[in-house]
N, C-alpha and C. Protein backbone atom coordinates (compact mmCIF):
# COMPACT_ATOMS: atom_id res chain seq x y z
N MET A 1 6.59 28.35 26.36
CA MET A 1 6.05 27.29 25.64
C MET A 1 6.08 27.61 24.10
N LEU A 2 5.56 28.80 23.74
CA LEU A 2 5.49 29.07 22.37
C LEU A 2 6.78 29.09 21.63
N SER A 3 7.88 29.65 22.44
CA SER A 3 9.25 29.65 21.82
C SER A 3 9.70 28.18 21.71
N PHE A 4 9.35 27.25 22.53
CA PHE A 4 9.70 25.80 22.33
C PHE A 4 9.14 25.32 21.25
N LEU A 5 7.86 25.56 20.80
CA LEU A 5 7.06 25.10 19.65
C LEU A 5 7.84 25.70 18.42
N ILE A 6 8.22 26.97 18.41
CA ILE A 6 8.82 27.54 17.30
C ILE A 6 10.21 26.90 17.01
N LEU A 7 10.91 26.69 18.19
CA LEU A 7 12.23 26.09 18.00
C LEU A 7 12.11 24.58 17.44
N TYR A 8 11.19 23.89 18.05
CA TYR A 8 10.90 22.43 17.58
C TYR A 8 10.53 22.46 16.22
N THR A 9 9.49 23.14 15.77
CA THR A 9 9.03 23.09 14.33
C THR A 9 10.06 23.56 13.36
N GLY A 10 10.91 24.54 13.97
CA GLY A 10 12.00 25.02 13.14
C GLY A 10 12.97 23.98 12.65
N CYS A 11 13.06 22.92 13.36
CA CYS A 11 14.01 21.86 13.10
C CYS A 11 13.65 21.07 11.83
N LYS A 12 12.46 20.97 11.51
CA LYS A 12 12.02 20.26 10.40
C LYS A 12 11.90 21.04 9.06
N ASP A 13 12.34 20.51 7.94
CA ASP A 13 12.34 21.21 6.78
C ASP A 13 11.04 20.74 5.89
N TYR A 14 9.86 21.33 6.15
CA TYR A 14 8.68 20.94 5.52
C TYR A 14 8.78 21.53 4.10
N SER A 15 9.41 22.64 3.81
CA SER A 15 9.52 23.14 2.35
C SER A 15 10.12 22.15 1.49
N THR A 16 11.07 21.32 1.90
CA THR A 16 11.69 20.37 0.92
C THR A 16 10.53 19.41 0.48
N SER A 17 9.67 18.77 1.49
CA SER A 17 8.74 17.87 1.22
C SER A 17 7.67 18.57 0.17
N ARG A 18 7.34 19.79 0.48
CA ARG A 18 6.47 20.48 -0.33
C ARG A 18 6.91 20.67 -1.80
N ASN A 19 8.19 21.07 -1.78
CA ASN A 19 8.86 21.36 -3.22
C ASN A 19 8.83 20.00 -3.99
N ARG A 20 9.30 18.92 -3.35
CA ARG A 20 9.32 17.75 -4.05
C ARG A 20 7.95 17.20 -4.59
N TYR A 21 6.95 17.35 -3.59
CA TYR A 21 5.51 17.08 -4.05
C TYR A 21 5.04 17.91 -5.26
N ASN A 22 5.36 19.18 -5.16
CA ASN A 22 4.81 20.05 -6.22
C ASN A 22 5.49 19.76 -7.48
N THR A 23 6.81 19.36 -7.43
CA THR A 23 7.55 19.04 -8.79
C THR A 23 7.02 17.72 -9.28
N LEU A 24 6.79 16.70 -8.29
CA LEU A 24 6.22 15.42 -8.76
C LEU A 24 4.88 15.71 -9.43
N LYS A 25 4.08 16.49 -8.83
CA LYS A 25 2.76 16.79 -9.44
C LYS A 25 2.79 17.32 -10.88
N LYS A 26 3.79 18.25 -10.99
CA LYS A 26 3.92 18.85 -12.33
C LYS A 26 4.41 17.92 -13.33
N GLU A 27 5.30 16.93 -12.98
CA GLU A 27 5.90 15.99 -13.85
C GLU A 27 4.73 15.01 -14.26
N VAL A 28 3.77 14.57 -13.37
CA VAL A 28 2.80 13.76 -13.80
C VAL A 28 1.79 14.49 -14.69
N ASP A 29 1.46 15.74 -14.51
CA ASP A 29 0.63 16.50 -15.38
C ASP A 29 1.21 16.64 -16.71
N LYS A 30 2.54 16.76 -16.85
CA LYS A 30 3.23 16.70 -18.17
C LYS A 30 3.35 15.38 -18.80
N GLY A 31 3.14 14.30 -18.08
CA GLY A 31 3.26 13.02 -18.65
C GLY A 31 4.68 12.37 -18.39
N ASN A 32 5.49 13.12 -17.63
CA ASN A 32 6.91 12.62 -17.35
C ASN A 32 6.76 11.60 -16.17
N TYR A 33 6.16 10.41 -16.44
CA TYR A 33 5.93 9.55 -15.39
C TYR A 33 7.24 9.03 -14.66
N GLU A 34 8.18 8.66 -15.58
CA GLU A 34 9.44 8.22 -14.90
C GLU A 34 10.05 9.25 -13.97
N GLU A 35 10.10 10.57 -14.40
CA GLU A 35 10.65 11.55 -13.58
C GLU A 35 9.80 11.63 -12.23
N ALA A 36 8.56 11.55 -12.33
CA ALA A 36 7.74 11.56 -11.10
C ALA A 36 8.00 10.46 -10.23
N ARG A 37 8.26 9.22 -10.74
CA ARG A 37 8.54 8.05 -9.97
C ARG A 37 9.98 8.36 -9.32
N ASN A 38 10.88 8.96 -10.08
CA ASN A 38 12.23 9.23 -9.47
C ASN A 38 12.07 10.22 -8.29
N ILE A 39 11.25 11.18 -8.36
CA ILE A 39 11.13 12.20 -7.27
C ILE A 39 10.50 11.49 -6.10
N PHE A 40 9.50 10.63 -6.40
CA PHE A 40 8.92 9.96 -5.24
C PHE A 40 9.85 9.01 -4.48
N ALA A 41 10.71 8.39 -5.27
CA ALA A 41 11.81 7.60 -4.66
C ALA A 41 12.74 8.38 -3.79
N GLU A 42 12.97 9.65 -4.23
CA GLU A 42 13.80 10.45 -3.43
C GLU A 42 13.04 10.89 -2.13
N MET A 43 11.70 11.11 -2.24
CA MET A 43 11.03 11.48 -0.98
C MET A 43 11.15 10.30 -0.02
N ILE A 44 11.10 9.19 -0.40
CA ILE A 44 11.15 7.96 0.46
C ILE A 44 12.59 7.77 0.96
N ALA A 45 13.62 7.91 0.13
CA ALA A 45 14.90 7.76 0.40
C ALA A 45 15.41 8.76 1.47
N TYR A 46 15.00 10.00 1.30
CA TYR A 46 15.43 11.02 2.22
C TYR A 46 14.51 11.07 3.45
N GLY A 47 13.62 10.26 3.51
CA GLY A 47 12.64 10.23 4.77
C GLY A 47 11.92 11.68 4.88
N ASP A 48 11.33 12.21 3.84
CA ASP A 48 10.66 13.58 3.97
C ASP A 48 9.85 13.67 5.32
N SER A 49 10.12 14.76 5.96
CA SER A 49 9.61 14.99 7.29
C SER A 49 8.04 15.18 7.32
N ASP A 50 7.40 15.59 6.27
CA ASP A 50 5.98 15.77 6.42
C ASP A 50 5.30 14.76 5.56
N SER A 51 4.74 13.73 6.26
CA SER A 51 4.17 12.56 5.62
C SER A 51 2.91 13.05 4.80
N ARG A 52 2.28 14.14 5.06
CA ARG A 52 1.07 14.65 4.21
C ARG A 52 1.54 14.65 2.75
N TYR A 53 2.68 15.19 2.53
CA TYR A 53 3.21 15.22 1.05
C TYR A 53 3.51 13.93 0.54
N VAL A 54 3.98 12.94 1.30
CA VAL A 54 4.23 11.70 0.75
C VAL A 54 3.01 11.02 0.57
N ASP A 55 2.00 11.16 1.38
CA ASP A 55 0.67 10.44 1.15
C ASP A 55 0.09 11.03 -0.04
N SER A 56 0.15 12.37 -0.18
CA SER A 56 -0.51 13.10 -1.31
C SER A 56 0.22 12.65 -2.69
N ALA A 57 1.46 12.32 -2.63
CA ALA A 57 2.31 11.98 -3.76
C ALA A 57 1.78 10.58 -4.25
N LEU A 58 1.52 9.67 -3.19
CA LEU A 58 1.01 8.31 -3.61
C LEU A 58 -0.39 8.46 -4.26
N VAL A 59 -1.26 9.42 -3.93
CA VAL A 59 -2.38 9.64 -4.65
C VAL A 59 -2.21 10.14 -6.04
N VAL A 60 -1.32 11.07 -6.26
CA VAL A 60 -1.01 11.65 -7.54
C VAL A 60 -0.40 10.52 -8.31
N LEU A 61 0.49 9.63 -7.75
CA LEU A 61 1.04 8.51 -8.58
C LEU A 61 0.01 7.50 -9.04
N ASP A 62 -1.00 7.35 -8.28
CA ASP A 62 -2.16 6.46 -8.73
C ASP A 62 -2.81 6.88 -9.93
N LYS A 63 -2.63 8.15 -10.49
CA LYS A 63 -3.12 8.66 -11.70
C LYS A 63 -2.35 8.24 -12.87
N ILE A 64 -1.19 7.65 -12.66
CA ILE A 64 -0.28 7.26 -13.73
C ILE A 64 -0.95 5.95 -14.37
N PRO A 65 -1.16 5.95 -15.67
CA PRO A 65 -1.81 4.83 -16.46
C PRO A 65 -0.92 3.56 -16.05
N LYS A 66 -1.61 2.43 -15.88
CA LYS A 66 -0.98 1.16 -15.60
C LYS A 66 0.01 0.72 -16.73
N ASP A 67 -0.32 1.13 -17.89
CA ASP A 67 0.47 0.66 -19.14
C ASP A 67 1.63 1.47 -19.32
N SER A 68 1.91 2.47 -18.47
CA SER A 68 3.13 3.32 -18.62
C SER A 68 4.31 2.75 -17.98
N THR A 69 4.90 1.79 -18.63
CA THR A 69 5.85 1.08 -18.13
C THR A 69 7.29 1.42 -18.75
N LYS A 70 7.28 2.52 -19.49
CA LYS A 70 8.45 2.89 -20.27
C LYS A 70 9.43 3.55 -19.19
N LYS A 71 10.65 2.98 -19.15
CA LYS A 71 11.66 3.50 -18.21
C LYS A 71 12.66 4.31 -19.00
N SER A 72 13.20 5.36 -18.30
CA SER A 72 14.25 6.08 -18.95
C SER A 72 15.55 5.32 -18.87
N GLU A 73 16.45 5.45 -19.79
CA GLU A 73 17.71 4.66 -19.86
C GLU A 73 18.66 4.99 -18.72
N ASP A 74 18.65 6.24 -18.31
CA ASP A 74 19.62 6.68 -17.43
C ASP A 74 19.24 6.83 -15.90
N LYS A 75 17.83 6.49 -15.68
CA LYS A 75 17.44 6.78 -14.30
C LYS A 75 17.43 5.54 -13.36
N GLY A 76 17.27 4.32 -13.97
CA GLY A 76 17.19 3.17 -13.16
C GLY A 76 15.72 2.76 -12.90
N ASN A 77 15.57 1.68 -12.19
CA ASN A 77 14.24 1.26 -11.89
C ASN A 77 14.17 1.32 -10.31
N TYR A 78 13.10 2.06 -9.84
CA TYR A 78 12.96 2.24 -8.42
C TYR A 78 11.86 1.48 -7.77
N ASP A 79 12.07 0.87 -6.69
CA ASP A 79 11.05 0.16 -5.89
C ASP A 79 10.21 1.10 -4.93
N PHE A 80 8.93 1.36 -5.32
CA PHE A 80 8.15 2.00 -4.43
C PHE A 80 7.63 1.32 -3.31
N THR A 81 7.92 0.16 -3.19
CA THR A 81 7.51 -0.65 -1.98
C THR A 81 8.67 -0.96 -1.13
N ALA A 82 9.63 -0.05 -1.08
CA ALA A 82 10.77 -0.34 -0.16
C ALA A 82 10.28 -0.27 1.14
N GLY A 83 10.87 -1.21 2.00
CA GLY A 83 10.46 -1.43 3.23
C GLY A 83 9.43 -2.56 3.52
N VAL A 84 8.83 -3.07 2.48
CA VAL A 84 7.87 -4.18 2.54
C VAL A 84 8.72 -5.49 2.64
N GLU A 85 8.48 -6.31 3.59
CA GLU A 85 9.04 -7.48 3.79
C GLU A 85 8.11 -8.74 4.09
N SER A 86 8.67 -9.84 3.93
CA SER A 86 7.69 -10.97 4.26
C SER A 86 7.50 -10.97 5.75
N ALA A 87 6.19 -11.23 6.17
CA ALA A 87 5.87 -11.25 7.52
C ALA A 87 6.64 -12.27 8.27
N SER A 88 6.87 -12.13 9.55
CA SER A 88 7.61 -13.10 10.33
C SER A 88 6.68 -14.38 10.48
N GLU A 89 7.26 -15.50 10.86
CA GLU A 89 6.50 -16.71 11.14
C GLU A 89 5.44 -16.50 12.34
N GLU A 90 5.75 -15.66 13.22
CA GLU A 90 5.00 -15.43 14.29
C GLU A 90 3.68 -14.56 13.77
N GLN A 91 3.97 -13.58 12.99
CA GLN A 91 2.88 -12.79 12.35
C GLN A 91 1.97 -13.55 11.56
N VAL A 92 2.59 -14.50 10.77
CA VAL A 92 1.77 -15.32 9.90
C VAL A 92 0.78 -16.17 10.68
N VAL A 93 1.37 -16.76 11.75
CA VAL A 93 0.60 -17.63 12.52
C VAL A 93 -0.58 -16.88 13.23
N TYR A 94 -0.21 -15.67 13.70
CA TYR A 94 -1.17 -14.84 14.37
C TYR A 94 -2.33 -14.50 13.49
N VAL A 95 -2.07 -14.07 12.25
CA VAL A 95 -3.08 -13.73 11.17
C VAL A 95 -3.98 -14.93 10.96
N ASN A 96 -3.26 -16.07 10.60
CA ASN A 96 -4.06 -17.27 10.34
C ASN A 96 -4.99 -17.76 11.41
N GLU A 97 -4.63 -17.65 12.65
CA GLU A 97 -5.38 -18.02 13.81
C GLU A 97 -6.70 -17.23 13.88
N GLY A 98 -6.72 -15.97 13.43
CA GLY A 98 -7.86 -15.08 13.50
C GLY A 98 -8.85 -15.11 12.37
N LEU A 99 -8.43 -15.97 11.20
CA LEU A 99 -9.40 -15.95 10.04
C LEU A 99 -10.57 -16.91 10.33
N ILE A 100 -11.71 -16.51 9.64
CA ILE A 100 -12.91 -17.22 9.78
C ILE A 100 -12.82 -18.52 9.12
N ASN A 101 -13.65 -19.64 9.39
CA ASN A 101 -13.49 -20.80 8.67
C ASN A 101 -13.72 -20.64 7.18
N GLY A 102 -12.93 -21.49 6.43
CA GLY A 102 -13.02 -21.44 5.00
C GLY A 102 -12.16 -20.36 4.31
N VAL A 103 -11.56 -19.47 5.02
CA VAL A 103 -10.70 -18.42 4.50
C VAL A 103 -9.31 -18.68 4.80
N SER A 104 -8.43 -18.49 3.80
CA SER A 104 -6.86 -18.74 3.96
C SER A 104 -6.25 -17.49 3.49
N ALA A 105 -5.08 -17.25 4.10
CA ALA A 105 -4.30 -16.12 3.77
C ALA A 105 -2.91 -16.53 3.18
N THR A 106 -2.60 -15.97 2.08
CA THR A 106 -1.28 -16.26 1.29
C THR A 106 -0.63 -14.91 1.15
N ASN A 107 0.64 -15.07 0.69
CA ASN A 107 1.57 -13.90 0.42
C ASN A 107 1.36 -12.82 1.41
N ILE A 108 1.67 -13.22 2.71
CA ILE A 108 1.56 -12.33 3.78
C ILE A 108 2.79 -11.52 3.92
N LYS A 109 2.57 -10.05 3.87
CA LYS A 109 3.68 -9.16 3.99
C LYS A 109 3.47 -8.15 5.23
N SER A 110 4.65 -7.59 5.63
CA SER A 110 4.73 -6.63 6.72
C SER A 110 5.43 -5.34 6.25
N TYR A 111 5.06 -4.29 6.96
CA TYR A 111 5.69 -2.95 6.79
C TYR A 111 5.65 -2.24 8.06
N LYS A 112 6.77 -1.71 8.56
CA LYS A 112 6.91 -0.99 9.80
C LYS A 112 5.98 0.18 9.62
N SER A 113 5.15 0.46 10.59
CA SER A 113 4.20 1.68 10.63
C SER A 113 5.14 2.96 10.83
N ASN A 114 4.78 3.92 10.12
CA ASN A 114 5.31 5.21 10.23
C ASN A 114 4.64 6.06 11.24
N SER A 115 3.45 5.69 11.54
CA SER A 115 2.56 6.46 12.44
C SER A 115 2.60 6.00 13.91
N HIS A 116 2.79 4.66 14.06
CA HIS A 116 2.80 4.01 15.28
C HIS A 116 4.11 3.31 15.53
N SER A 117 4.86 3.89 16.48
CA SER A 117 6.29 3.54 16.61
C SER A 117 6.63 1.96 16.88
N ARG A 118 5.69 1.16 17.59
CA ARG A 118 6.00 -0.11 17.89
C ARG A 118 4.82 -0.90 17.26
N ALA A 119 4.62 -0.82 15.93
CA ALA A 119 3.66 -1.65 15.24
C ALA A 119 3.92 -1.88 13.82
N TYR A 120 3.42 -2.89 13.34
CA TYR A 120 3.54 -3.25 11.82
C TYR A 120 2.29 -3.39 11.26
N PHE A 121 2.19 -2.91 9.94
CA PHE A 121 1.00 -3.30 9.11
C PHE A 121 1.36 -4.65 8.43
N VAL A 122 0.37 -5.53 8.48
CA VAL A 122 0.50 -6.95 7.98
C VAL A 122 -0.60 -7.14 7.05
N SER A 123 -0.26 -7.48 5.81
CA SER A 123 -1.33 -7.68 4.82
C SER A 123 -1.30 -8.93 4.30
N ALA A 124 -2.35 -9.55 3.58
CA ALA A 124 -2.39 -10.77 2.99
C ALA A 124 -3.42 -10.69 1.88
N GLU A 125 -3.24 -11.81 1.00
CA GLU A 125 -4.22 -12.07 -0.09
C GLU A 125 -5.32 -13.12 0.58
N LEU A 126 -6.50 -12.79 0.64
CA LEU A 126 -7.53 -13.80 1.22
C LEU A 126 -8.15 -14.63 0.20
N SER A 127 -8.24 -15.80 0.30
CA SER A 127 -8.96 -16.75 -0.65
C SER A 127 -9.97 -17.64 0.24
N GLY A 128 -10.88 -18.20 -0.54
CA GLY A 128 -11.92 -19.00 0.07
C GLY A 128 -13.18 -18.23 0.40
N ALA A 129 -14.12 -18.79 0.62
CA ALA A 129 -15.50 -18.26 1.07
C ALA A 129 -15.91 -17.15 -0.05
N GLY A 130 -15.66 -17.48 -1.28
CA GLY A 130 -16.07 -16.56 -2.39
C GLY A 130 -14.94 -15.54 -2.59
N LEU A 131 -13.80 -15.47 -1.95
CA LEU A 131 -12.82 -14.50 -2.23
C LEU A 131 -11.74 -15.07 -3.02
N ASN A 132 -11.18 -14.26 -3.90
CA ASN A 132 -10.06 -14.84 -4.81
C ASN A 132 -8.88 -13.68 -4.72
N LYS A 133 -8.09 -13.91 -3.75
CA LYS A 133 -6.90 -12.97 -3.64
C LYS A 133 -7.25 -11.59 -3.32
N GLN A 134 -8.09 -11.46 -2.42
CA GLN A 134 -8.61 -10.15 -1.86
C GLN A 134 -7.61 -9.53 -0.85
N PHE A 135 -7.18 -8.41 -1.08
CA PHE A 135 -6.22 -7.73 -0.15
C PHE A 135 -6.93 -7.45 1.22
N ALA A 136 -6.22 -7.74 2.21
CA ALA A 136 -6.74 -7.40 3.50
C ALA A 136 -5.53 -6.86 4.51
N CYS A 137 -5.81 -6.05 5.43
CA CYS A 137 -4.81 -5.52 6.14
C CYS A 137 -5.06 -5.49 7.67
N TRP A 138 -4.06 -5.68 8.56
CA TRP A 138 -4.23 -5.59 9.95
C TRP A 138 -2.96 -4.75 10.49
N LEU A 139 -3.17 -4.30 11.68
CA LEU A 139 -2.07 -3.53 12.46
C LEU A 139 -1.80 -4.35 13.61
N ILE A 140 -0.55 -4.77 13.67
CA ILE A 140 -0.07 -5.53 14.86
C ILE A 140 0.92 -4.79 15.64
N SER A 141 0.66 -4.72 16.93
CA SER A 141 1.66 -4.00 17.90
C SER A 141 2.83 -5.04 18.20
N GLY A 142 3.75 -4.47 18.75
CA GLY A 142 5.02 -5.18 19.18
C GLY A 142 6.03 -5.27 18.02
N THR A 143 6.89 -6.24 18.22
CA THR A 143 7.99 -6.50 17.16
C THR A 143 7.53 -7.54 16.26
N LYS A 144 8.22 -7.73 15.15
CA LYS A 144 7.89 -8.79 14.28
C LYS A 144 7.85 -10.20 14.83
N ASN A 145 8.91 -10.47 15.69
CA ASN A 145 8.87 -11.72 16.29
C ASN A 145 8.26 -11.85 17.65
N LYS A 146 7.65 -10.80 18.09
CA LYS A 146 6.79 -10.95 19.35
C LYS A 146 5.50 -10.09 19.20
N PRO A 147 4.67 -10.49 18.33
CA PRO A 147 3.52 -9.55 18.06
C PRO A 147 2.58 -9.49 19.23
N GLY A 148 1.85 -8.38 19.39
CA GLY A 148 0.99 -8.05 20.48
C GLY A 148 -0.39 -8.01 20.06
N MET A 149 -1.05 -6.93 20.29
CA MET A 149 -2.47 -6.74 19.87
C MET A 149 -2.59 -6.58 18.36
N ILE A 150 -3.76 -7.13 17.76
CA ILE A 150 -3.89 -7.04 16.38
C ILE A 150 -5.27 -6.30 16.18
N LEU A 151 -5.40 -5.36 15.19
CA LEU A 151 -6.66 -4.69 14.79
C LEU A 151 -6.74 -4.93 13.22
N SER A 152 -7.98 -5.12 12.89
CA SER A 152 -8.40 -5.03 11.55
C SER A 152 -8.38 -3.60 11.00
N VAL A 153 -7.57 -3.38 9.88
CA VAL A 153 -7.47 -1.96 9.38
C VAL A 153 -8.47 -1.78 8.28
N ASP A 154 -8.83 -2.66 7.50
CA ASP A 154 -9.79 -2.36 6.44
C ASP A 154 -10.92 -3.35 6.57
N SER A 155 -11.95 -3.12 5.66
CA SER A 155 -13.21 -3.81 5.82
C SER A 155 -13.05 -5.25 5.60
N TRP A 156 -12.20 -5.70 4.68
CA TRP A 156 -11.92 -7.07 4.26
C TRP A 156 -11.40 -7.79 5.52
N ALA A 157 -10.41 -7.25 6.22
CA ALA A 157 -9.74 -7.84 7.30
C ALA A 157 -10.82 -7.97 8.51
N SER A 158 -11.76 -6.99 8.64
CA SER A 158 -12.68 -6.91 9.63
C SER A 158 -13.66 -7.98 9.40
N GLU A 159 -14.14 -8.10 8.13
CA GLU A 159 -15.19 -9.01 7.79
C GLU A 159 -14.76 -10.51 7.78
N TYR A 160 -13.60 -10.87 7.49
CA TYR A 160 -13.06 -12.27 7.23
C TYR A 160 -12.17 -12.67 8.42
N SER A 161 -12.00 -11.93 9.51
CA SER A 161 -11.15 -12.35 10.66
C SER A 161 -11.98 -12.00 11.86
N THR A 162 -11.41 -12.43 12.95
CA THR A 162 -12.10 -12.30 14.24
C THR A 162 -11.53 -11.10 15.10
N PHE A 163 -10.55 -10.46 14.29
CA PHE A 163 -9.90 -9.31 14.98
C PHE A 163 -10.75 -8.05 15.11
N PRO A 164 -10.71 -7.30 16.13
CA PRO A 164 -11.52 -6.06 16.26
C PRO A 164 -11.20 -5.16 15.23
N GLN A 165 -12.22 -4.36 14.92
CA GLN A 165 -11.95 -3.15 13.96
C GLN A 165 -11.06 -2.09 14.50
N ARG A 166 -10.34 -1.40 13.56
CA ARG A 166 -9.42 -0.36 14.02
C ARG A 166 -10.23 0.76 14.71
N LYS A 167 -9.34 1.46 15.51
CA LYS A 167 -9.86 2.78 16.14
C LYS A 167 -9.65 3.85 15.20
N GLN A 168 -10.15 4.94 15.37
CA GLN A 168 -10.00 6.18 14.55
C GLN A 168 -8.61 6.49 14.31
N SER A 169 -7.74 6.25 15.21
CA SER A 169 -6.27 6.63 15.11
C SER A 169 -5.57 5.78 14.18
N VAL A 170 -6.11 4.61 13.80
CA VAL A 170 -5.47 3.67 12.79
C VAL A 170 -6.31 3.83 11.53
N THR A 171 -5.71 4.30 10.50
CA THR A 171 -6.34 4.63 9.24
C THR A 171 -5.76 4.05 8.00
N ILE A 172 -6.75 3.78 7.05
CA ILE A 172 -6.25 3.33 5.74
C ILE A 172 -5.45 4.43 4.89
N ALA A 173 -5.48 5.64 5.46
CA ALA A 173 -4.68 6.73 4.87
C ALA A 173 -3.26 6.55 5.15
N ASP A 174 -2.88 5.78 6.19
CA ASP A 174 -1.48 5.69 6.65
C ASP A 174 -0.71 5.25 5.47
N ARG A 175 0.54 5.75 5.39
CA ARG A 175 1.48 5.40 4.36
C ARG A 175 1.89 3.91 4.35
N GLY A 176 1.94 3.35 5.38
CA GLY A 176 2.23 1.82 5.52
C GLY A 176 1.10 1.07 4.76
N TYR A 177 -0.14 1.36 5.01
CA TYR A 177 -1.22 0.70 4.39
C TYR A 177 -1.19 0.88 2.85
N LYS A 178 -0.91 2.12 2.46
CA LYS A 178 -0.83 2.36 1.02
C LYS A 178 0.31 1.75 0.27
N ILE A 179 1.43 1.66 0.95
CA ILE A 179 2.62 1.03 0.38
C ILE A 179 2.30 -0.49 0.21
N LEU A 180 1.81 -1.12 1.28
CA LEU A 180 1.53 -2.52 1.22
C LEU A 180 0.52 -2.87 0.19
N LYS A 181 -0.48 -2.05 0.02
CA LYS A 181 -1.54 -2.26 -1.04
C LYS A 181 -0.87 -2.28 -2.41
N ARG A 182 0.13 -1.19 -2.66
CA ARG A 182 0.73 -1.15 -3.83
C ARG A 182 1.66 -2.43 -4.21
N SER A 183 1.97 -3.12 -3.21
CA SER A 183 3.04 -4.26 -3.37
C SER A 183 2.35 -5.46 -3.99
N TYR A 184 1.00 -5.58 -4.03
CA TYR A 184 0.34 -6.76 -4.62
C TYR A 184 0.03 -6.49 -6.10
């Protein structure tokens, strides 16, 4: 059994993820925000095998000042919300059916979960009942066009919909949740 684990874990190159993360962190510390963004785009594009480093990179990128929009001329403009799509009509209907009276959902988006193979994170901006475009997120099992069970991922979704609260295995620390939140 131990030899199988060594063989299996030997297939993944965690050092690449760690190296990219460490380089990204150094670039942010030096104020080279565009280079840090480029490194993060590489992490996503190459599907880094250790999601801990990708999640940590998102935390580091949150330290970049919002007004740092300066782009280098030769690097291009990267989309850090790659994979975010409009929610399917079925997902939109499903979310809207579970909202409490007086609350409406707009700008509904989805992102294929990295942690749960047959599930999508679906998010929306909630309005009404004292809310003004408040981000809320659910996890919906199944495919985009054939949604299954739905769970509230964050406190806003739980408070303003009738869907049950997430279990411990569904967390707001998941990359899908973070990427969706960044997309608003």
